[in-house]
C-alpha atoms as a PDB file:
ATOM      1  CA  MET A   1     115.537  48.837  23.738  1.00  0.00           C
ATOM      2  CA  LYS A   2     112.004  46.800  22.943  1.00  0.00           C
ATOM      3  CA  ALA A   3     110.576  47.267  26.190  1.00  0.00           C
ATOM      4  CA  ASN A   4     110.732  50.895  25.590  1.00  0.00           C
ATOM      5  CA  ASN A   5     109.886  50.665  22.093  1.00  0.00           C
ATOM      6  CA  ARG A   6     106.587  48.921  23.061  1.00  0.00           C
ATOM      7  CA  THR A   7     105.714  51.062  26.288  1.00  0.00           C
ATOM      8  CA  ASP A   8     106.533  54.236  23.442  1.00  0.00           C
ATOM      9  CA  ARG A   9     103.751  52.891  20.752  1.00  0.00           C
ATOM     10  CA  GLU A  10     101.041  52.231  23.760  1.00  0.00           C
ATOM     11  CA  THR A  11     101.689  55.555  25.064  1.00  0.00           C
ATOM     12  CA  ARG A  12     101.727  56.954  21.265  1.00  0.00           C
ATOM     13  CA  ARG A  13      98.110  55.239  20.983  1.00  0.00           C
ATOM     14  CA  ARG A  14      96.619  55.967  24.266  1.00  0.00           C
ATOM     15  CA  VAL A  15      97.971  59.627  23.141  1.00  0.00           C
ATOM     16  CA  ALA A  16      96.187  59.241  20.112  1.00  0.00           C
ATOM     17  CA  ARG A  17      92.945  57.789  21.475  1.00  0.00           C
ATOM     18  CA  MET A  18      92.423  60.923  23.597  1.00  0.00           C
ATOM     19  CA  GLU A  19      93.365  63.640  20.701  1.00  0.00           C
ATOM     20  CA  ALA A  20      90.598  61.664  18.526  1.00  0.00           C
ATOM     21  CA  ARG A  21      88.210  61.935  21.827  1.00  0.00           C
ATOM     22  CA  ARG A  22      88.664  65.440  22.305  1.00  0.00           C
ATOM     23  CA  ALA A  23      88.248  66.269  18.396  1.00  0.00           C
ATOM     24  CA  LEU A  24      84.903  64.248  18.474  1.00  0.00           C
ATOM     25  CA  ALA A  25      83.791  66.050  21.873  1.00  0.00           C
ATOM     26  CA  ALA A  26      84.202  69.236  19.758  1.00  0.00           C
ATOM     27  CA  GLN A  27      82.714  67.940  16.932  1.00  0.00           C
ATOM     28  CA  GLN A  28      79.362  67.012  18.849  1.00  0.00           C
ATOM     29  CA  ALA A  29      79.809  70.264  20.562  1.00  0.00           C
ATOM     30  CA  ARG A  30      80.011  72.486  17.670  1.00  0.00           C
ATOM     31  CA  ARG A  31      76.674  70.561  16.359  1.00  0.00           C
ATOM     32  CA  ARG A  32      74.779  70.724  19.192  1.00  0.00           C
ATOM     33  CA  LYS A  33      75.484  74.604  19.111  1.00  0.00           C
ATOM     34  CA  VAL A  34      74.221  74.335  15.458  1.00  0.00           C
ATOM     35  CA  ASP A  35      70.837  72.711  16.374  1.00  0.00           C
ATOM     36  CA  ASN A  36      70.284  74.759  19.175  1.00  0.00           C
ATOM     37  CA  VAL A  37      70.778  78.534  16.901  1.00  0.00           C
ATOM     38  CA  TYR A  38      68.542  76.494  14.426  1.00  0.00           C
ATOM     39  CA  ALA A  39      66.182  75.346  17.318  1.00  0.00           C
ATOM     40  CA  LEU A  40      65.924  78.775  18.722  1.00  0.00           C
ATOM     41  CA  THR A  41      65.211  80.461  15.463  1.00  0.00           C
ATOM     42  CA  ALA A  42      62.316  78.085  14.229  1.00  0.00           C
ATOM     43  CA  GLY A  43      60.842  78.974  18.075  1.00  0.00           C
ATOM     44  CA  ALA A  44      61.000  82.475  17.385  1.00  0.00           C
ATOM     45  CA  LEU A  45      58.968  82.723  14.322  1.00  0.00           C
ATOM     46  CA  VAL A  46      56.934  80.342  15.200  1.00  0.00           C
ATOM     47  CA  LEU A  47      56.501  82.769  18.531  1.00  0.00           C
ATOM     48  CA  ALA A  48      55.923  85.448  16.163  1.00  0.00           C
ATOM     49  CA  LEU A  49      53.412  83.901  14.228  1.00  0.00           C
ATOM     50  CA  ALA A  50      51.089  82.832  17.463  1.00  0.00           C
ATOM     51  CA  ILE A  51      51.694  86.147  18.565  1.00  0.00           C
ATOM     52  CA  ALA A  52      50.444  87.952  15.238  1.00  0.00           C
ATOM     53  CA  LEU A  53      47.515  85.293  15.304  1.00  0.00           C
ATOM     54  CA  GLN A  54      46.723  86.169  19.034  1.00  0.00           C
ATOM     55  CA  VAL A  55      46.874  90.610  17.978  1.00  0.00           C
ATOM     56  CA  PHE A  56      44.657  89.229  14.957  1.00  0.00           C
ATOM     57  CA  TRP A  57      42.336  87.495  17.188  1.00  0.00           C
ATOM     58  CA  PHE A  58      41.568  90.141  19.740  1.00  0.00           C
ATOM     59  CA  SER A  59      41.694  92.749  17.541  1.00  0.00           C
ATOM     60  CA  SER A  60      39.116  92.426  14.785  1.00  0.00           C
ATOM     61  CA  ASN A  61      37.121  89.252  15.682  1.00  0.00           C
ATOM     62  CA  PRO A  62      38.176  87.134  12.604  1.00  0.00           C
ATOM     63  CA  THR A  63      36.442  84.283  11.060  1.00  0.00           C
ATOM     64  CA  ALA A  64      37.779  80.891  10.789  1.00  0.00           C
ATOM     65  CA  GLU A  65      38.175  81.927   6.770  1.00  0.00           C
ATOM     66  CA  ASP A  66      40.393  84.610   7.733  1.00  0.00           C
ATOM     67  CA  LEU A  67      42.700  83.073  10.149  1.00  0.00           C
ATOM     68  CA  GLU A  68      43.360  80.723   7.708  1.00  0.00           C
ATOM     69  CA  LEU A  69      44.385  83.268   5.122  1.00  0.00           C
ATOM     70  CA  LEU A  70      46.540  84.613   7.153  1.00  0.00           C
ATOM     71  CA  GLN A  71      47.971  81.140   7.683  1.00  0.00           C
ATOM     72  CA  ARG A  72      48.744  81.079   4.635  1.00  0.00           C
ATOM     73  CA  GLU A  73      50.224  84.859   4.034  1.00  0.00           C
ATOM     74  CA  ALA A  74      52.428  84.239   7.036  1.00  0.00           C
ATOM     75  CA  GLU A  75      53.741  80.820   5.407  1.00  0.00           C
ATOM     76  CA  ALA A  76      53.934  82.052   1.803  1.00  0.00           C
ATOM     77  CA  PRO A  77      56.982  83.886   0.445  1.00  0.00           C
ATOM     78  CA  ALA A  78      57.598  87.001  -0.390  1.00  0.00           C
ATOM     79  CA  THR A  79      57.199  87.897  -4.244  1.00  0.00           C
ATOM     80  CA  SER A  80      57.710  91.203  -6.354  1.00  0.00           C
ATOM     81  CA  ALA A  81      57.207  91.704  -9.917  1.00  0.00           C
ATOM     82  CA  PRO A  82      60.582  91.057 -12.072  1.00  0.00           C
ATOM     83  CA  SER A  83      62.363  94.429 -12.695  1.00  0.00           C
ATOM     84  CA  ALA A  84      63.313  93.268 -16.296  1.00  0.00           C
ATOM     85  CA  ILE A  85      60.304  93.168 -18.819  1.00  0.00           C
ATOM     86  CA  PRO A  86      60.929  89.709 -20.753  1.00  0.00           C
ATOM     87  CA  ASP A  87      61.522  90.048 -24.387  1.00  0.00           C
ATOM     88  CA  PRO A  88      58.410  88.356 -26.616  1.00  0.00           C
ATOM     89  CA  SER A  89      60.705  85.954 -28.286  1.00  0.00           C
ATOM     90  CA  LEU A  90      60.457  83.841 -25.281  1.00  0.00           C
ATOM     91  CA  ALA A  91      57.124  83.434 -26.384  1.00  0.00           C
ATOM     92  CA  ALA A  92      56.802  84.385 -30.110  1.00  0.00           C
ATOM     93  CA  GLY A  93      55.378  81.022 -32.238  1.00  0.00           C
ATOM     94  CA  GLN A  94      54.566  79.038 -28.563  1.00  0.00           C
ATOM     95  CA  VAL A  95      51.542  78.370 -27.114  1.00  0.00           C
ATOM     96  CA  PHE A  96      51.343  77.883 -23.718  1.00  0.00           C
ATOM     97  CA  ASN A  97      48.635  75.406 -21.252  1.00  0.00           C
ATOM     98  CA  GLY A  98      48.340  75.790 -17.521  1.00  0.00           C
ATOM     99  CA  THR A  99      45.884  75.841 -14.566  1.00  0.00           C
ATOM    100  CA  LEU A 100      44.877  79.012 -12.804  1.00  0.00           C
ATOM    101  CA  GLU A 101      43.474  77.861  -8.999  1.00  0.00           C
ATOM    102  CA  LEU A 102      40.490  80.582  -7.380  1.00  0.00           C
ATOM    103  CA  ASN A 103      39.742  79.546  -4.002  1.00  0.00           C
ATOM    104  CA  GLY A 104      40.735  75.937  -4.585  1.00  0.00           C
ATOM    105  CA  GLU A 105      38.929  74.969  -7.865  1.00  0.00           C
ATOM    106  CA  GLU A 106      40.590  75.216 -11.309  1.00  0.00           C
ATOM    107  CA  VAL A 107      40.368  76.969 -14.259  1.00  0.00           C
ATOM    108  CA  GLN A 108      42.103  75.688 -17.449  1.00  0.00           C
ATOM    109  CA  VAL A 109      43.961  78.010 -19.624  1.00  0.00           C
ATOM    110  CA  GLU A 110      45.806  78.465 -22.654  1.00  0.00           C
ATOM    111  CA  LEU A 111      47.937  81.962 -24.149  1.00  0.00           C
ATOM    112  CA  ASP A 112      48.664  82.492 -27.225  1.00  0.00           C
ATOM    113  CA  GLY A 113      52.297  83.170 -28.091  1.00  0.00           C
ATOM    114  CA  ASN A 114      51.468  83.615 -31.667  1.00  0.00           C
ATOM    115  CA  ALA A 115      48.382  86.257 -31.288  1.00  0.00           C
ATOM    116  CA  ALA A 116      50.505  88.474 -28.375  1.00  0.00           C
ATOM    117  CA  PRO A 117      53.937  87.145 -28.275  1.00  0.00           C
ATOM    118  CA  GLN A 118      54.830  90.504 -25.404  1.00  0.00           C
ATOM    119  CA  ALA A 119      52.005  89.750 -22.833  1.00  0.00           C
ATOM    120  CA  VAL A 120      52.335  85.970 -22.892  1.00  0.00           C
ATOM    121  CA  ALA A 121      56.040  86.661 -22.247  1.00  0.00           C
ATOM    122  CA  VAL A 122      55.348  88.306 -19.310  1.00  0.00           C
ATOM    123  CA  PHE A 123      53.022  86.533 -17.501  1.00  0.00           C
ATOM    124  CA  LYS A 124      54.570  83.312 -18.562  1.00  0.00           C
ATOM    125  CA  SER A 125      57.433  84.997 -16.495  1.00  0.00           C
ATOM    126  CA  LEU A 126      55.427  86.049 -13.935  1.00  0.00           C
ATOM    127  CA  SER A 127      53.859  82.686 -13.226  1.00  0.00           C
ATOM    128  CA  ASP A 128      57.256  81.030 -13.447  1.00  0.00           C
ATOM    129  CA  SER A 129      58.062  82.989 -10.237  1.00  0.00           C
ATOM    130  CA  GLY A 130      55.059  82.320  -7.845  1.00  0.00           C
ATOM    131  CA  PHE A 131      54.266  85.926  -8.752  1.00  0.00           C
ATOM    132  CA  PHE A 132      50.584  84.941  -8.906  1.00  0.00           C
ATOM    133  CA  ASN A 133      50.282  82.670  -5.512  1.00  0.00           C
ATOM    134  CA  GLY A 134      48.265  84.417  -3.189  1.00  0.00           C
ATOM    135  CA  LYS A 135      47.219  87.607  -4.703  1.00  0.00           C
ATOM    136  CA  ASP A 136      44.062  88.581  -4.973  1.00  0.00           C
ATOM    137  CA  CYS A 137      41.120  89.207  -7.532  1.00  0.00           C
ATOM    138  CA  HIS A 138      39.792  92.792  -6.692  1.00  0.00           C
ATOM    139  CA  ARG A 139      37.670  93.616  -8.832  1.00  0.00           C
ATOM    140  CA  LEU A 140      34.050  91.971 -10.339  1.00  0.00           C
ATOM    141  CA  VAL A 141      31.894  93.298 -13.151  1.00  0.00           C
ATOM    142  CA  THR A 142      28.986  92.137 -13.565  1.00  0.00           C
ATOM    143  CA  ALA A 143      26.861  94.515 -15.746  1.00  0.00           C
ATOM    144  CA  GLU A 144      24.035  93.686 -18.385  1.00  0.00           C
ATOM    145  CA  THR A 145      27.259  94.048 -21.433  1.00  0.00           C
ATOM    146  CA  MET A 146      30.169  93.261 -19.392  1.00  0.00           C
ATOM    147  CA  GLY A 147      31.491  90.859 -17.171  1.00  0.00           C
ATOM    148  CA  VAL A 148      34.870  90.117 -15.685  1.00  0.00           C
ATOM    149  CA  LEU A 149      37.173  89.009 -13.154  1.00  0.00           C
ATOM    150  CA  GLN A 150      39.936  91.468 -12.535  1.00  0.00           C
ATOM    151  CA  CYS A 151      43.232  90.020 -10.703  1.00  0.00           C
ATOM    152  CA  GLY A 152      46.862  90.482 -10.246  1.00  0.00           C
ATOM    153  CA  SER A 153      47.474  93.538  -8.509  1.00  0.00           C
ATOM    154  CA  ALA A 154      50.479  93.698  -6.548  1.00  0.00           C
ATOM    155  CA  ASP A 155      48.540  94.846  -3.422  1.00  0.00           C
ATOM    156  CA  GLY A 156      45.279  93.611  -3.931  1.00  0.00           C
ATOM    157  CA  SER A 157      43.988  97.595  -3.941  1.00  0.00           C
ATOM    158  CA  GLY A 158      44.025  97.625  -8.132  1.00  0.00           C
ATOM    159  CA  ALA A 159      46.928 100.042  -8.282  1.00  0.00           C
ATOM    160  CA  SER A 160      49.480  99.503 -10.668  1.00  0.00           C
ATOM    161  CA  ASP A 161      52.986  98.686  -9.888  1.00  0.00           C
ATOM    162  CA  PRO A 162      55.193 101.812 -11.194  1.00  0.00           C
ATOM    163  CA  ASP A 163      58.052 100.532 -11.520  1.00  0.00           C
ATOM    164  CA  TYR A 164      57.114  97.154 -14.017  1.00  0.00           C
ATOM    165  CA  GLN A 165      55.143  98.579 -16.904  1.00  0.00           C
ATOM    166  CA  TRP A 166      55.442  98.005 -20.375  1.00  0.00           C
ATOM    167  CA  GLY A 167      53.548  97.470 -23.900  1.00  0.00           C
ATOM    168  CA  PRO A 168      52.583  97.727 -26.394  1.00  0.00           C
ATOM    169  CA  VAL A 169      49.431  96.807 -26.955  1.00  0.00           C
ATOM    170  CA  GLU A 170      48.560  93.766 -28.771  1.00  0.00           C
ATOM    171  CA  ASN A 171      45.802  91.418 -30.398  1.00  0.00           C
ATOM    172  CA  THR A 172      42.409  93.608 -29.697  1.00  0.00           C
ATOM    173  CA  PRO A 173      38.988  93.121 -31.473  1.00  0.00           C
ATOM    174  CA  ALA A 174      37.929  95.708 -33.426  1.00  0.00           C
ATOM    175  CA  ASP A 175      34.486  95.179 -32.778  1.00  0.00           C
ATOM    176  CA  GLY A 176      34.984  95.501 -28.838  1.00  0.00           C
ATOM    177  CA  VAL A 177      33.144  92.380 -28.278  1.00  0.00           C
ATOM    178  CA  TYR A 178      35.460  90.034 -25.679  1.00  0.00           C
ATOM    179  CA  PRO A 179      34.169  85.928 -25.819  1.00  0.00           C
ATOM    180  CA  ALA A 180      33.389  84.386 -22.925  1.00  0.00           C
ATOM    181  CA  GLY A 181      36.413  82.921 -21.440  1.00  0.00           C
ATOM    182  CA  SER A 182      38.908  85.519 -22.788  1.00  0.00           C
ATOM    183  CA  ILE A 183      41.909  86.335 -21.145  1.00  0.00           C
ATOM    184  CA  ALA A 184      42.445  89.832 -21.545  1.00  0.00           C
ATOM    185  CA  VAL A 185      45.758  92.775 -20.074  1.00  0.00           C
ATOM    186  CA  ALA A 186      44.187  95.452 -17.735  1.00  0.00           C
ATOM    187  CA  ARG A 187      46.264  98.394 -18.128  1.00  0.00           C
ATOM    188  CA  GLY A 188      46.248 102.187 -17.777  1.00  0.00           C
ATOM    189  CA  ALA A 189      45.274 104.817 -20.188  1.00  0.00           C
ATOM    190  CA  THR A 190      47.867 104.434 -22.669  1.00  0.00           C
ATOM    191  CA  GLY A 191      49.305 101.229 -24.844  1.00  0.00           C
ATOM    192  CA  ASP A 192      52.331 100.863 -22.874  1.00  0.00           C
ATOM    193  CA  SER A 193      50.769 100.861 -19.163  1.00  0.00           C
ATOM    194  CA  HIS A 194      50.251  97.335 -18.821  1.00  0.00           C
ATOM    195  CA  GLY A 195      52.061  95.647 -15.667  1.00  0.00           C
ATOM    196  CA  THR A 196      50.967  92.617 -13.607  1.00  0.00           C
ATOM    197  CA  GLN A 197      46.893  92.359 -14.129  1.00  0.00           C
ATOM    198  CA  PHE A 198      44.808  90.587 -16.114  1.00  0.00           C
ATOM    199  CA  PHE A 199      41.113  89.975 -16.647  1.00  0.00           C
ATOM    200  CA  ILE A 200      38.649  86.763 -17.844  1.00  0.00           C
ATOM    201  CA  ALA A 201      35.833  87.541 -19.650  1.00  0.00           C
ATOM    202  CA  TYR A 202      33.061  84.651 -17.933  1.00  0.00           C
ATOM    203  CA  LYS A 203      30.632  85.821 -20.789  1.00  0.00           C
ATOM    204  CA  ASP A 204      30.037  88.288 -23.970  1.00  0.00           C
ATOM    205  CA  SER A 205      31.665  91.381 -22.948  1.00  0.00           C
ATOM    206  CA  VAL A 206      31.730  94.702 -24.895  1.00  0.00           C
ATOM    207  CA  ILE A 207      34.279  96.753 -23.569  1.00  0.00           C
ATOM    208  CA  THR A 208      35.144 100.408 -25.226  1.00  0.00           C
ATOM    209  CA  GLN A 209      37.953  99.982 -27.811  1.00  0.00           C
ATOM    210  CA  GLU A 210      38.751 104.714 -27.528  1.00  0.00           C
ATOM    211  CA  THR A 211      42.305 104.155 -25.696  1.00  0.00           C
ATOM    212  CA  GLY A 212      42.816 101.080 -28.276  1.00  0.00           C
ATOM    213  CA  GLY A 213      41.556  98.217 -26.254  1.00  0.00           C
ATOM    214  CA  TYR A 214      42.890  95.713 -24.292  1.00  0.00           C
ATOM    215  CA  THR A 215      44.834  92.592 -25.327  1.00  0.00           C
ATOM    216  CA  ILE A 216      43.790  89.297 -25.556  1.00  0.00           C
ATOM    217  CA  MET A 217      46.651  86.808 -24.660  1.00  0.00           C
ATOM    218  CA  GLY A 218      44.375  83.781 -23.920  1.00  0.00           C
ATOM    219  CA  LYS A 219      41.412  81.800 -22.938  1.00  0.00           C
ATOM    220  CA  VAL A 220      39.664  79.651 -21.027  1.00  0.00           C
ATOM    221  CA  THR A 221      39.710  76.410 -22.170  1.00  0.00           C
ATOM    222  CA  SER A 222      37.632  74.851 -19.388  1.00  0.00           C
ATOM    223  CA  GLY A 223      36.229  75.413 -15.782  1.00  0.00           C
ATOM    224  CA  LEU A 224      34.450  78.855 -16.846  1.00  0.00           C
ATOM    225  CA  GLU A 225      31.864  77.658 -14.199  1.00  0.00           C
ATOM    226  CA  VAL A 226      34.505  78.563 -11.715  1.00  0.00           C
ATOM    227  CA  LEU A 227      34.129  82.404 -12.415  1.00  0.00           C
ATOM    228  CA  GLU A 228      30.163  82.320 -13.279  1.00  0.00           C
ATOM    229  CA  THR A 229      29.902  81.095  -9.917  1.00  0.00           C
ATOM    230  CA  ILE A 230      31.936  83.841  -8.379  1.00  0.00           C
ATOM    231  CA  ALA A 231      30.296  86.076 -10.218  1.00  0.00           C
ATOM    232  CA  ALA A 232      26.781  85.007  -9.349  1.00  0.00           C
ATOM    233  CA  SER A 233      28.097  85.938  -5.509  1.00  0.00           C
ATOM    234  CA  GLY A 234      27.549  89.279  -6.871  1.00  0.00           C
ATOM    235  CA  VAL A 235      29.765  92.692  -6.146  1.00  0.00           C
ATOM    236  CA  ALA A 236      30.035  94.146  -2.845  1.00  0.00           C
ATOM    237  CA  GLY A 237      27.622  97.257  -2.289  1.00  0.00           C
ATOM    238  CA  GLU A 238      25.127  95.627  -4.211  1.00  0.00           C
ATOM    239  CA  THR A 239      26.693  97.343  -7.586  1.00  0.00           C
ATOM    240  CA  GLN A 240      28.112  96.406 -10.721  1.00  0.00           C
ATOM    241  CA  ASP A 241      31.686  97.174 -10.499  1.00  0.00           C
ATOM    242  CA  GLY A 242      33.798  96.757  -7.729  1.00  0.00           C
ATOM    243  CA  THR A 243      35.188  94.221  -5.100  1.00  0.00           C
ATOM    244  CA  PRO A 244      33.899  90.956  -5.279  1.00  0.00           C
ATOM    245  CA  LEU A 245      31.499  89.979  -2.255  1.00  0.00           C
ATOM    246  CA  ALA A 246      33.155  86.740  -1.759  1.00  0.00           C
ATOM    247  CA  PRO A 247      36.679  87.024  -1.756  1.00  0.00           C
ATOM    248  CA  VAL A 248      38.327  85.386  -4.859  1.00  0.00           C
ATOM    249  CA  THR A 249      42.196  84.334  -4.434  1.00  0.00           C
ATOM    250  CA  ILE A 250      44.909  82.805  -6.821  1.00  0.00           C
ATOM    251  CA  ASP A 251      46.274  79.704  -5.245  1.00  0.00           C
ATOM    252  CA  SER A 252      48.760  79.030  -8.170  1.00  0.00           C
ATOM    253  CA  PHE A 253      49.028  79.927 -11.762  1.00  0.00           C
ATOM    254  CA  THR A 254      50.710  77.783 -13.936  1.00  0.00           C
ATOM    255  CA  LEU A 255      51.772  77.853 -17.241  1.00  0.00           C
ATOM    256  CA  LYS A 256      53.556  75.218 -19.377  1.00  0.00           C
END
């Protein structure tokens, strides 16, 4: 009986070891399958990007800057404006400081929720979501009495987003003078047609107030020379109001 018991125990151990080896082999097989799926997915993405780059190269003869922009856009996550307008109480009584990075150059900014709580709540929400990253500054005005750079259009065309509209107008200058460094909110014809676009005055600017003016929500605290350099490059088509001759991209916009 003892010998038989010993044999039975050894048999059970062998069976247990075999089962353990089978389980380990199955687990490793499953892991290899998952790893292969990840590898194939990553490979497909890389191949798609490579094909896109080649098509772009051979169809449009791009510059090195064009290719770099395409690469950034391919790697950047798609972002859109939030569907809900944040409540002004999120910014009321608060002042946010941050950095607006344009073409690799930093502009330090301050947004004042005391002066424009609704506008600041909106732009704090947009910046926190990463909405502005990779967006263009599509408009430059270099008139004698007005100098501004306008940014934040969702598609870079300057068109507004009909699904993201808000108001009211806040903190507008009665005399229509927007001091150099002013950060204001662009809008349409009415006071409730604000969206995601803003403009920065790089010099003292006089802007008509016939439709109620434009909300000044903050100011540049340092780095205004970055905008002055952009303005010095001029406007495409040798006009005073249009697309910047030298493309301007928002690398990031952070507020704390």
